[in-house]
N, C-alpha and C. Protein backbone atom coordinates (compact mmCIF):
# COMPACT_ATOMS: atom_id res chain seq x y z
N MET A 1 18.47 -10.69 -5.13
CA MET A 1 17.24 -10.16 -4.54
C MET A 1 16.45 -9.41 -5.62
N THR A 2 15.17 -9.63 -5.67
CA THR A 2 14.29 -8.94 -6.61
C THR A 2 13.73 -7.68 -5.95
N VAL A 3 13.82 -6.56 -6.67
CA VAL A 3 13.30 -5.28 -6.18
C VAL A 3 12.19 -4.84 -7.13
N ARG A 4 11.03 -4.51 -6.55
CA ARG A 4 9.88 -4.02 -7.33
C ARG A 4 9.69 -2.53 -7.06
N ILE A 5 9.59 -1.75 -8.14
CA ILE A 5 9.46 -0.31 -8.03
C ILE A 5 8.20 0.13 -8.77
N GLY A 6 7.27 0.75 -8.04
CA GLY A 6 6.10 1.34 -8.67
C GLY A 6 6.50 2.64 -9.35
N VAL A 7 5.98 2.88 -10.54
CA VAL A 7 6.33 4.09 -11.28
C VAL A 7 5.04 4.80 -11.69
N ILE A 8 5.02 6.11 -11.42
CA ILE A 8 3.83 6.91 -11.68
C ILE A 8 4.27 8.27 -12.20
N SER A 9 3.44 8.90 -13.00
CA SER A 9 3.77 10.22 -13.53
C SER A 9 2.49 10.94 -13.91
N ASP A 10 2.63 12.24 -14.07
CA ASP A 10 1.57 13.07 -14.62
C ASP A 10 0.22 12.83 -13.93
N THR A 11 0.25 12.91 -12.60
CA THR A 11 -0.99 12.75 -11.84
C THR A 11 -1.85 14.01 -11.94
N HIS A 12 -1.23 15.18 -12.03
CA HIS A 12 -1.95 16.44 -12.20
C HIS A 12 -3.08 16.59 -11.18
N LEU A 13 -2.78 16.32 -9.91
CA LEU A 13 -3.82 16.36 -8.89
C LEU A 13 -3.56 17.45 -7.85
N THR A 14 -4.58 18.24 -7.56
CA THR A 14 -4.49 19.16 -6.43
C THR A 14 -4.97 18.49 -5.16
N ASN A 15 -5.76 17.43 -5.30
CA ASN A 15 -6.27 16.68 -4.17
C ASN A 15 -5.90 15.21 -4.36
N PRO A 16 -5.00 14.68 -3.52
CA PRO A 16 -4.55 13.30 -3.74
C PRO A 16 -5.63 12.25 -3.52
N ALA A 17 -6.78 12.67 -3.02
CA ALA A 17 -7.89 11.71 -2.91
C ALA A 17 -8.26 11.21 -4.30
N GLY A 18 -7.80 11.91 -5.33
CA GLY A 18 -8.04 11.49 -6.71
C GLY A 18 -7.23 10.28 -7.13
N LEU A 19 -6.25 9.89 -6.30
CA LEU A 19 -5.49 8.68 -6.61
C LEU A 19 -6.41 7.49 -6.39
N SER A 20 -6.52 6.66 -7.37
CA SER A 20 -7.49 5.58 -7.29
C SER A 20 -7.03 4.48 -6.34
N GLN A 21 -8.01 3.77 -5.82
CA GLN A 21 -7.73 2.61 -4.98
C GLN A 21 -6.98 1.56 -5.79
N ARG A 22 -7.22 1.54 -7.09
CA ARG A 22 -6.53 0.59 -7.97
C ARG A 22 -5.02 0.84 -7.95
N ILE A 23 -4.59 2.10 -7.91
CA ILE A 23 -3.15 2.40 -7.84
C ILE A 23 -2.58 1.83 -6.55
N SER A 24 -3.29 2.00 -5.45
CA SER A 24 -2.83 1.44 -4.18
C SER A 24 -2.72 -0.08 -4.26
N GLN A 25 -3.67 -0.72 -4.93
CA GLN A 25 -3.63 -2.17 -5.08
C GLN A 25 -2.44 -2.60 -5.94
N VAL A 26 -2.22 -1.90 -7.05
CA VAL A 26 -1.12 -2.25 -7.96
C VAL A 26 0.23 -2.08 -7.26
N PHE A 27 0.36 -1.02 -6.46
CA PHE A 27 1.63 -0.72 -5.81
C PHE A 27 1.81 -1.41 -4.46
N ALA A 28 0.82 -2.15 -4.00
CA ALA A 28 0.93 -2.84 -2.70
C ALA A 28 2.15 -3.76 -2.72
N GLY A 29 3.01 -3.62 -1.73
CA GLY A 29 4.17 -4.49 -1.60
C GLY A 29 5.40 -4.06 -2.37
N VAL A 30 5.34 -2.92 -3.09
CA VAL A 30 6.54 -2.47 -3.80
C VAL A 30 7.59 -2.00 -2.80
N ASP A 31 8.84 -2.00 -3.23
CA ASP A 31 9.94 -1.56 -2.37
C ASP A 31 10.10 -0.04 -2.39
N HIS A 32 9.70 0.58 -3.50
CA HIS A 32 9.88 2.02 -3.66
C HIS A 32 8.92 2.50 -4.74
N ILE A 33 8.62 3.80 -4.74
CA ILE A 33 7.81 4.41 -5.79
C ILE A 33 8.59 5.57 -6.38
N LEU A 34 8.63 5.64 -7.72
CA LEU A 34 9.22 6.78 -8.42
C LEU A 34 8.09 7.58 -9.06
N HIS A 35 8.09 8.90 -8.85
CA HIS A 35 7.12 9.78 -9.50
C HIS A 35 7.89 10.68 -10.46
N ALA A 36 7.54 10.62 -11.74
CA ALA A 36 8.29 11.33 -12.78
C ALA A 36 7.74 12.72 -13.09
N GLY A 37 7.14 13.37 -12.10
CA GLY A 37 6.78 14.78 -12.25
C GLY A 37 5.35 15.04 -12.66
N ASP A 38 5.00 16.34 -12.57
CA ASP A 38 3.64 16.83 -12.73
C ASP A 38 2.72 16.23 -11.68
N LEU A 39 3.22 16.29 -10.43
CA LEU A 39 2.40 15.92 -9.28
C LEU A 39 1.34 17.00 -9.08
N VAL A 40 1.73 18.24 -9.23
CA VAL A 40 1.05 19.51 -8.98
C VAL A 40 1.28 19.93 -7.54
N THR A 41 0.95 19.08 -6.55
CA THR A 41 1.20 19.41 -5.14
C THR A 41 1.96 18.26 -4.47
N THR A 42 2.65 18.58 -3.37
CA THR A 42 3.38 17.54 -2.63
C THR A 42 2.44 16.62 -1.87
N ALA A 43 1.17 16.98 -1.78
CA ALA A 43 0.21 16.09 -1.12
C ALA A 43 0.15 14.73 -1.81
N VAL A 44 0.44 14.70 -3.10
CA VAL A 44 0.47 13.44 -3.85
C VAL A 44 1.58 12.54 -3.29
N ILE A 45 2.74 13.12 -2.99
CA ILE A 45 3.84 12.35 -2.41
C ILE A 45 3.42 11.77 -1.07
N HIS A 46 2.80 12.59 -0.24
CA HIS A 46 2.39 12.12 1.09
C HIS A 46 1.40 10.96 0.99
N GLU A 47 0.52 11.02 0.01
CA GLU A 47 -0.45 9.93 -0.18
C GLU A 47 0.26 8.65 -0.63
N LEU A 48 1.21 8.79 -1.56
CA LEU A 48 1.94 7.62 -2.04
C LEU A 48 2.85 7.03 -0.96
N GLU A 49 3.35 7.88 -0.05
CA GLU A 49 4.22 7.40 1.03
C GLU A 49 3.50 6.47 2.00
N LYS A 50 2.17 6.44 1.94
CA LYS A 50 1.41 5.48 2.74
C LYS A 50 1.62 4.06 2.21
N ILE A 51 2.09 3.96 0.95
CA ILE A 51 2.31 2.66 0.32
C ILE A 51 3.77 2.23 0.44
N ALA A 52 4.69 3.15 0.10
CA ALA A 52 6.13 2.85 0.08
C ALA A 52 6.91 4.16 0.04
N PRO A 53 8.21 4.12 0.31
CA PRO A 53 9.02 5.34 0.17
C PRO A 53 8.94 5.87 -1.26
N VAL A 54 8.98 7.20 -1.40
CA VAL A 54 8.79 7.85 -2.70
C VAL A 54 9.98 8.73 -3.04
N SER A 55 10.42 8.66 -4.28
CA SER A 55 11.36 9.63 -4.85
C SER A 55 10.64 10.30 -6.01
N ALA A 56 10.77 11.62 -6.11
CA ALA A 56 10.05 12.35 -7.15
C ALA A 56 10.92 13.47 -7.72
N VAL A 57 10.60 13.84 -8.95
CA VAL A 57 11.21 14.99 -9.60
C VAL A 57 10.10 15.95 -10.01
N ARG A 58 10.49 17.19 -10.25
CA ARG A 58 9.49 18.18 -10.62
C ARG A 58 9.19 18.13 -12.11
N GLY A 59 7.97 18.54 -12.44
CA GLY A 59 7.55 18.64 -13.83
C GLY A 59 7.21 20.08 -14.17
N ASN A 60 6.83 20.32 -15.40
CA ASN A 60 6.55 21.68 -15.84
C ASN A 60 5.23 22.22 -15.33
N MET A 61 4.32 21.37 -14.88
CA MET A 61 3.01 21.82 -14.42
C MET A 61 2.90 21.88 -12.89
N ASP A 62 3.98 21.58 -12.19
CA ASP A 62 3.94 21.59 -10.73
C ASP A 62 3.84 23.01 -10.19
N TYR A 63 3.18 23.14 -9.04
CA TYR A 63 3.08 24.44 -8.38
C TYR A 63 4.48 24.92 -7.99
N PRO A 64 4.67 26.23 -7.88
CA PRO A 64 6.01 26.77 -7.55
C PRO A 64 6.63 26.16 -6.30
N GLU A 65 5.83 25.92 -5.26
CA GLU A 65 6.40 25.35 -4.03
C GLU A 65 6.91 23.92 -4.25
N VAL A 66 6.34 23.21 -5.19
CA VAL A 66 6.82 21.87 -5.53
C VAL A 66 8.14 21.98 -6.29
N LYS A 67 8.19 22.92 -7.23
CA LYS A 67 9.39 23.10 -8.05
C LYS A 67 10.60 23.48 -7.20
N THR A 68 10.38 24.18 -6.09
CA THR A 68 11.51 24.55 -5.23
C THR A 68 11.94 23.40 -4.34
N GLN A 69 11.08 22.42 -4.12
CA GLN A 69 11.39 21.31 -3.22
C GLN A 69 11.96 20.08 -3.93
N LEU A 70 11.67 19.93 -5.22
CA LEU A 70 12.07 18.71 -5.92
C LEU A 70 13.13 19.00 -6.98
N PRO A 71 14.04 18.05 -7.20
CA PRO A 71 15.07 18.23 -8.22
C PRO A 71 14.51 18.03 -9.63
N LEU A 72 15.27 18.48 -10.63
CA LEU A 72 14.91 18.23 -12.03
C LEU A 72 15.12 16.78 -12.42
N LYS A 73 16.17 16.18 -11.86
CA LYS A 73 16.48 14.79 -12.19
C LYS A 73 17.25 14.17 -11.05
N THR A 74 17.20 12.85 -10.98
CA THR A 74 17.96 12.09 -9.98
C THR A 74 18.42 10.79 -10.64
N VAL A 75 19.41 10.16 -10.01
CA VAL A 75 19.85 8.84 -10.44
C VAL A 75 19.83 7.94 -9.21
N HIS A 76 19.22 6.78 -9.34
CA HIS A 76 19.06 5.84 -8.24
C HIS A 76 19.83 4.56 -8.55
N ASP A 77 20.65 4.12 -7.61
CA ASP A 77 21.37 2.86 -7.76
C ASP A 77 20.52 1.77 -7.11
N VAL A 78 20.06 0.83 -7.90
CA VAL A 78 19.22 -0.26 -7.41
C VAL A 78 19.90 -1.58 -7.77
N GLU A 79 20.43 -2.25 -6.76
CA GLU A 79 21.09 -3.54 -6.98
C GLU A 79 22.17 -3.45 -8.07
N GLY A 80 22.88 -2.32 -8.09
CA GLY A 80 23.96 -2.14 -9.06
C GLY A 80 23.54 -1.60 -10.41
N LEU A 81 22.24 -1.45 -10.63
CA LEU A 81 21.75 -0.84 -11.87
C LEU A 81 21.37 0.61 -11.60
N ARG A 82 21.61 1.47 -12.58
CA ARG A 82 21.37 2.90 -12.41
C ARG A 82 20.09 3.31 -13.14
N ILE A 83 19.16 3.89 -12.38
CA ILE A 83 17.89 4.35 -12.93
C ILE A 83 17.86 5.87 -12.87
N GLY A 84 17.81 6.49 -14.05
CA GLY A 84 17.68 7.94 -14.14
C GLY A 84 16.21 8.31 -14.10
N LEU A 85 15.89 9.36 -13.36
CA LEU A 85 14.50 9.82 -13.21
C LEU A 85 14.43 11.30 -13.56
N LEU A 86 13.58 11.65 -14.51
CA LEU A 86 13.33 13.05 -14.85
C LEU A 86 11.94 13.14 -15.48
N HIS A 87 11.42 14.37 -15.56
CA HIS A 87 10.10 14.54 -16.15
C HIS A 87 10.18 14.48 -17.67
N GLY A 88 11.15 15.19 -18.24
CA GLY A 88 11.33 15.15 -19.69
C GLY A 88 10.86 16.39 -20.41
N HIS A 89 10.37 17.40 -19.65
CA HIS A 89 10.01 18.64 -20.34
C HIS A 89 11.29 19.35 -20.78
N GLY A 90 11.17 20.21 -21.75
CA GLY A 90 12.34 20.86 -22.32
C GLY A 90 12.65 20.29 -23.70
N VAL A 91 12.06 19.16 -24.01
CA VAL A 91 12.24 18.56 -25.34
C VAL A 91 11.48 19.42 -26.36
N SER A 92 11.97 19.47 -27.56
CA SER A 92 11.37 20.26 -28.63
C SER A 92 9.92 19.85 -28.88
N GLY A 93 9.06 20.85 -29.02
CA GLY A 93 7.66 20.59 -29.34
C GLY A 93 7.51 19.87 -30.67
N ASP A 94 8.45 20.10 -31.59
CA ASP A 94 8.43 19.43 -32.89
C ASP A 94 8.59 17.92 -32.72
N ILE A 95 9.48 17.52 -31.82
CA ILE A 95 9.69 16.09 -31.55
C ILE A 95 8.41 15.48 -31.01
N LEU A 96 7.75 16.20 -30.11
CA LEU A 96 6.51 15.68 -29.52
C LEU A 96 5.39 15.63 -30.55
N SER A 97 5.26 16.66 -31.37
CA SER A 97 4.16 16.68 -32.34
C SER A 97 4.32 15.57 -33.38
N ARG A 98 5.56 15.17 -33.67
CA ARG A 98 5.81 14.09 -34.62
C ARG A 98 5.81 12.72 -33.95
N HIS A 99 5.65 12.68 -32.63
CA HIS A 99 5.75 11.43 -31.87
C HIS A 99 7.04 10.70 -32.22
N ASP A 100 8.13 11.45 -32.30
CA ASP A 100 9.43 10.90 -32.70
C ASP A 100 10.13 10.33 -31.47
N LEU A 101 9.88 9.05 -31.20
CA LEU A 101 10.46 8.42 -30.00
C LEU A 101 11.97 8.33 -30.05
N ASN A 102 12.55 8.14 -31.23
CA ASN A 102 14.01 8.08 -31.32
C ASN A 102 14.64 9.40 -30.91
N ALA A 103 14.11 10.51 -31.41
CA ALA A 103 14.63 11.83 -31.05
C ALA A 103 14.38 12.12 -29.57
N LEU A 104 13.21 11.74 -29.08
CA LEU A 104 12.90 11.94 -27.66
C LEU A 104 13.88 11.17 -26.79
N ARG A 105 14.14 9.93 -27.13
CA ARG A 105 15.06 9.12 -26.33
C ARG A 105 16.48 9.66 -26.39
N SER A 106 16.90 10.18 -27.53
CA SER A 106 18.23 10.81 -27.62
C SER A 106 18.30 12.02 -26.70
N TYR A 107 17.24 12.82 -26.70
CA TYR A 107 17.18 13.97 -25.80
C TYR A 107 17.28 13.52 -24.34
N LEU A 108 16.51 12.52 -23.97
CA LEU A 108 16.52 12.04 -22.58
C LEU A 108 17.91 11.55 -22.18
N LEU A 109 18.56 10.79 -23.05
CA LEU A 109 19.92 10.30 -22.77
C LEU A 109 20.88 11.46 -22.55
N SER A 110 20.70 12.54 -23.31
CA SER A 110 21.61 13.68 -23.21
C SER A 110 21.49 14.42 -21.88
N GLN A 111 20.44 14.15 -21.13
CA GLN A 111 20.21 14.85 -19.86
C GLN A 111 21.01 14.25 -18.70
N PHE A 112 21.64 13.10 -18.92
CA PHE A 112 22.41 12.45 -17.86
C PHE A 112 23.89 12.45 -18.21
N ASP A 113 24.70 12.89 -17.25
CA ASP A 113 26.15 12.97 -17.46
C ASP A 113 26.82 11.61 -17.36
N GLU A 114 26.21 10.70 -16.62
CA GLU A 114 26.79 9.38 -16.44
C GLU A 114 25.88 8.32 -17.08
N PRO A 115 26.43 7.17 -17.40
CA PRO A 115 25.61 6.11 -18.01
C PRO A 115 24.50 5.65 -17.07
N VAL A 116 23.35 5.34 -17.64
CA VAL A 116 22.23 4.79 -16.88
C VAL A 116 21.73 3.54 -17.60
N ASP A 117 21.12 2.65 -16.83
CA ASP A 117 20.57 1.42 -17.39
C ASP A 117 19.10 1.57 -17.75
N CYS A 118 18.46 2.57 -17.15
CA CYS A 118 17.03 2.81 -17.36
C CYS A 118 16.78 4.30 -17.20
N ILE A 119 15.92 4.86 -18.04
CA ILE A 119 15.46 6.23 -17.86
C ILE A 119 13.96 6.19 -17.66
N VAL A 120 13.53 6.67 -16.49
CA VAL A 120 12.11 6.82 -16.19
C VAL A 120 11.75 8.27 -16.44
N TYR A 121 10.72 8.49 -17.24
CA TYR A 121 10.31 9.85 -17.57
C TYR A 121 8.80 9.94 -17.70
N GLY A 122 8.31 11.16 -17.84
CA GLY A 122 6.88 11.41 -18.01
C GLY A 122 6.67 12.43 -19.11
N HIS A 123 5.81 13.40 -18.85
CA HIS A 123 5.54 14.57 -19.67
C HIS A 123 4.67 14.29 -20.89
N THR A 124 4.94 13.25 -21.64
CA THR A 124 4.23 13.02 -22.91
C THR A 124 2.85 12.40 -22.73
N HIS A 125 2.63 11.75 -21.60
CA HIS A 125 1.42 10.97 -21.32
C HIS A 125 1.35 9.71 -22.20
N TRP A 126 2.44 9.38 -22.91
CA TRP A 126 2.49 8.16 -23.73
C TRP A 126 3.25 7.10 -22.95
N ALA A 127 2.64 5.98 -22.71
CA ALA A 127 3.36 4.87 -22.08
C ALA A 127 4.47 4.39 -23.01
N ASP A 128 5.62 4.09 -22.42
CA ASP A 128 6.79 3.66 -23.19
C ASP A 128 7.54 2.63 -22.35
N ASN A 129 7.86 1.51 -22.94
CA ASN A 129 8.57 0.44 -22.24
C ASN A 129 9.41 -0.30 -23.28
N GLU A 130 10.56 0.29 -23.62
CA GLU A 130 11.34 -0.28 -24.71
C GLU A 130 12.84 -0.09 -24.47
N GLN A 131 13.59 -1.13 -24.79
CA GLN A 131 15.05 -1.08 -24.75
C GLN A 131 15.56 -0.45 -26.04
N GLN A 132 16.48 0.49 -25.90
CA GLN A 132 17.14 1.08 -27.06
C GLN A 132 18.52 1.54 -26.63
N GLN A 133 19.53 1.29 -27.40
CA GLN A 133 20.90 1.69 -27.09
C GLN A 133 21.35 1.15 -25.73
N GLY A 134 20.86 -0.05 -25.36
CA GLY A 134 21.23 -0.66 -24.10
C GLY A 134 20.59 -0.04 -22.88
N VAL A 135 19.58 0.80 -23.09
CA VAL A 135 18.89 1.49 -22.00
C VAL A 135 17.40 1.17 -22.08
N LEU A 136 16.77 0.90 -20.94
CA LEU A 136 15.31 0.75 -20.90
C LEU A 136 14.70 2.14 -20.75
N PHE A 137 13.92 2.55 -21.73
CA PHE A 137 13.18 3.82 -21.66
C PHE A 137 11.79 3.48 -21.15
N PHE A 138 11.42 4.11 -20.02
CA PHE A 138 10.19 3.72 -19.35
C PHE A 138 9.39 4.95 -18.94
N ASN A 139 8.22 5.09 -19.54
CA ASN A 139 7.28 6.15 -19.20
C ASN A 139 5.98 5.45 -18.81
N PRO A 140 5.52 5.63 -17.56
CA PRO A 140 4.31 4.94 -17.14
C PRO A 140 3.03 5.52 -17.73
N GLY A 141 3.13 6.59 -18.51
CA GLY A 141 1.94 7.25 -19.02
C GLY A 141 1.38 8.19 -17.96
N THR A 142 0.10 8.49 -18.03
CA THR A 142 -0.53 9.37 -17.06
C THR A 142 -1.43 8.56 -16.14
N ALA A 143 -1.22 8.70 -14.84
CA ALA A 143 -1.96 7.90 -13.87
C ALA A 143 -3.44 8.26 -13.79
N THR A 144 -3.78 9.47 -14.23
CA THR A 144 -5.16 9.91 -14.11
C THR A 144 -5.88 10.01 -15.45
N GLY A 145 -5.22 9.57 -16.51
CA GLY A 145 -5.88 9.49 -17.81
C GLY A 145 -6.10 10.81 -18.51
N ARG A 146 -5.33 11.84 -18.17
CA ARG A 146 -5.50 13.14 -18.83
C ARG A 146 -5.05 13.06 -20.28
N GLY A 147 -6.00 12.96 -21.18
CA GLY A 147 -5.70 12.91 -22.60
C GLY A 147 -5.26 11.55 -23.11
N ALA A 148 -5.27 10.57 -22.27
CA ALA A 148 -4.83 9.22 -22.65
C ALA A 148 -5.47 8.23 -21.67
N ARG A 149 -5.21 6.95 -21.89
CA ARG A 149 -5.73 5.98 -20.92
C ARG A 149 -4.92 6.09 -19.63
N ALA A 150 -5.53 5.78 -18.51
CA ALA A 150 -4.87 5.87 -17.20
C ALA A 150 -3.99 4.65 -16.99
N THR A 151 -2.68 4.91 -16.80
CA THR A 151 -1.72 3.82 -16.61
C THR A 151 -0.67 4.20 -15.58
N VAL A 152 -0.09 3.20 -14.96
CA VAL A 152 1.09 3.34 -14.11
C VAL A 152 2.06 2.25 -14.58
N GLY A 153 3.20 2.16 -13.92
CA GLY A 153 4.17 1.17 -14.33
C GLY A 153 4.78 0.43 -13.17
N MET A 154 5.44 -0.68 -13.50
CA MET A 154 6.16 -1.46 -12.51
C MET A 154 7.51 -1.83 -13.11
N LEU A 155 8.57 -1.50 -12.38
CA LEU A 155 9.91 -1.94 -12.76
C LEU A 155 10.31 -3.07 -11.84
N THR A 156 10.94 -4.08 -12.40
CA THR A 156 11.46 -5.19 -11.61
C THR A 156 12.95 -5.30 -11.88
N VAL A 157 13.73 -5.19 -10.81
CA VAL A 157 15.18 -5.35 -10.90
C VAL A 157 15.49 -6.70 -10.29
N ASP A 158 16.09 -7.58 -11.11
CA ASP A 158 16.38 -8.94 -10.67
C ASP A 158 17.80 -9.27 -11.10
N GLY A 159 18.71 -9.19 -10.16
CA GLY A 159 20.11 -9.45 -10.49
C GLY A 159 20.65 -8.35 -11.37
N THR A 160 21.02 -8.71 -12.59
CA THR A 160 21.61 -7.73 -13.50
C THR A 160 20.63 -7.27 -14.58
N THR A 161 19.34 -7.56 -14.39
CA THR A 161 18.36 -7.18 -15.40
C THR A 161 17.30 -6.26 -14.80
N ILE A 162 16.76 -5.40 -15.66
CA ILE A 162 15.65 -4.55 -15.28
C ILE A 162 14.59 -4.68 -16.36
N SER A 163 13.35 -4.85 -15.94
CA SER A 163 12.25 -4.97 -16.90
C SER A 163 11.10 -4.12 -16.42
N GLY A 164 10.25 -3.73 -17.36
CA GLY A 164 9.13 -2.88 -17.04
C GLY A 164 7.82 -3.45 -17.52
N GLU A 165 6.75 -2.99 -16.89
CA GLU A 165 5.39 -3.39 -17.26
C GLU A 165 4.50 -2.17 -17.13
N ILE A 166 3.66 -1.93 -18.13
CA ILE A 166 2.66 -0.86 -18.09
C ILE A 166 1.35 -1.49 -17.64
N ILE A 167 0.69 -0.83 -16.67
CA ILE A 167 -0.52 -1.41 -16.06
C ILE A 167 -1.66 -0.41 -16.14
N ASP A 168 -2.78 -0.83 -16.71
CA ASP A 168 -3.98 0.02 -16.76
C ASP A 168 -4.56 0.16 -15.36
N VAL A 169 -4.94 1.39 -15.02
CA VAL A 169 -5.59 1.63 -13.74
C VAL A 169 -6.94 2.30 -13.98
């Protein structure tokens, strides 16, 4: 069975009406949506739930009431593959300023106690869709284009494989 998962991060919205119709079109028919943090308010989750069930983690820019309601990280079992979800804040500013993806990915891997097949993260606003060390590192970028182009992502789990796609919105 093929499972399609919409992936979004760094929406930074106080009013979910800011979610574009294009995001709704891209995510139409997905089985689930993962939000990798910096929602700002839970209203974003409620808006996305009109499309599909949502799992989310908190980010560093979320309002206090969001931070108390959402976990720092989660692991989702999808057709036998394990997808780790976290925002990714806490990484050294030096790593970010150097755009050191290898160091960033090592940091992200260190945040999970058990093996994962994919790590979905946000925080950097840089889209990332690359296999390294047997793990798919997937950052959909920022859905609202704050400091970068506006992008979301799509994960496809098909049997024993997981693949990602970055989509401009």
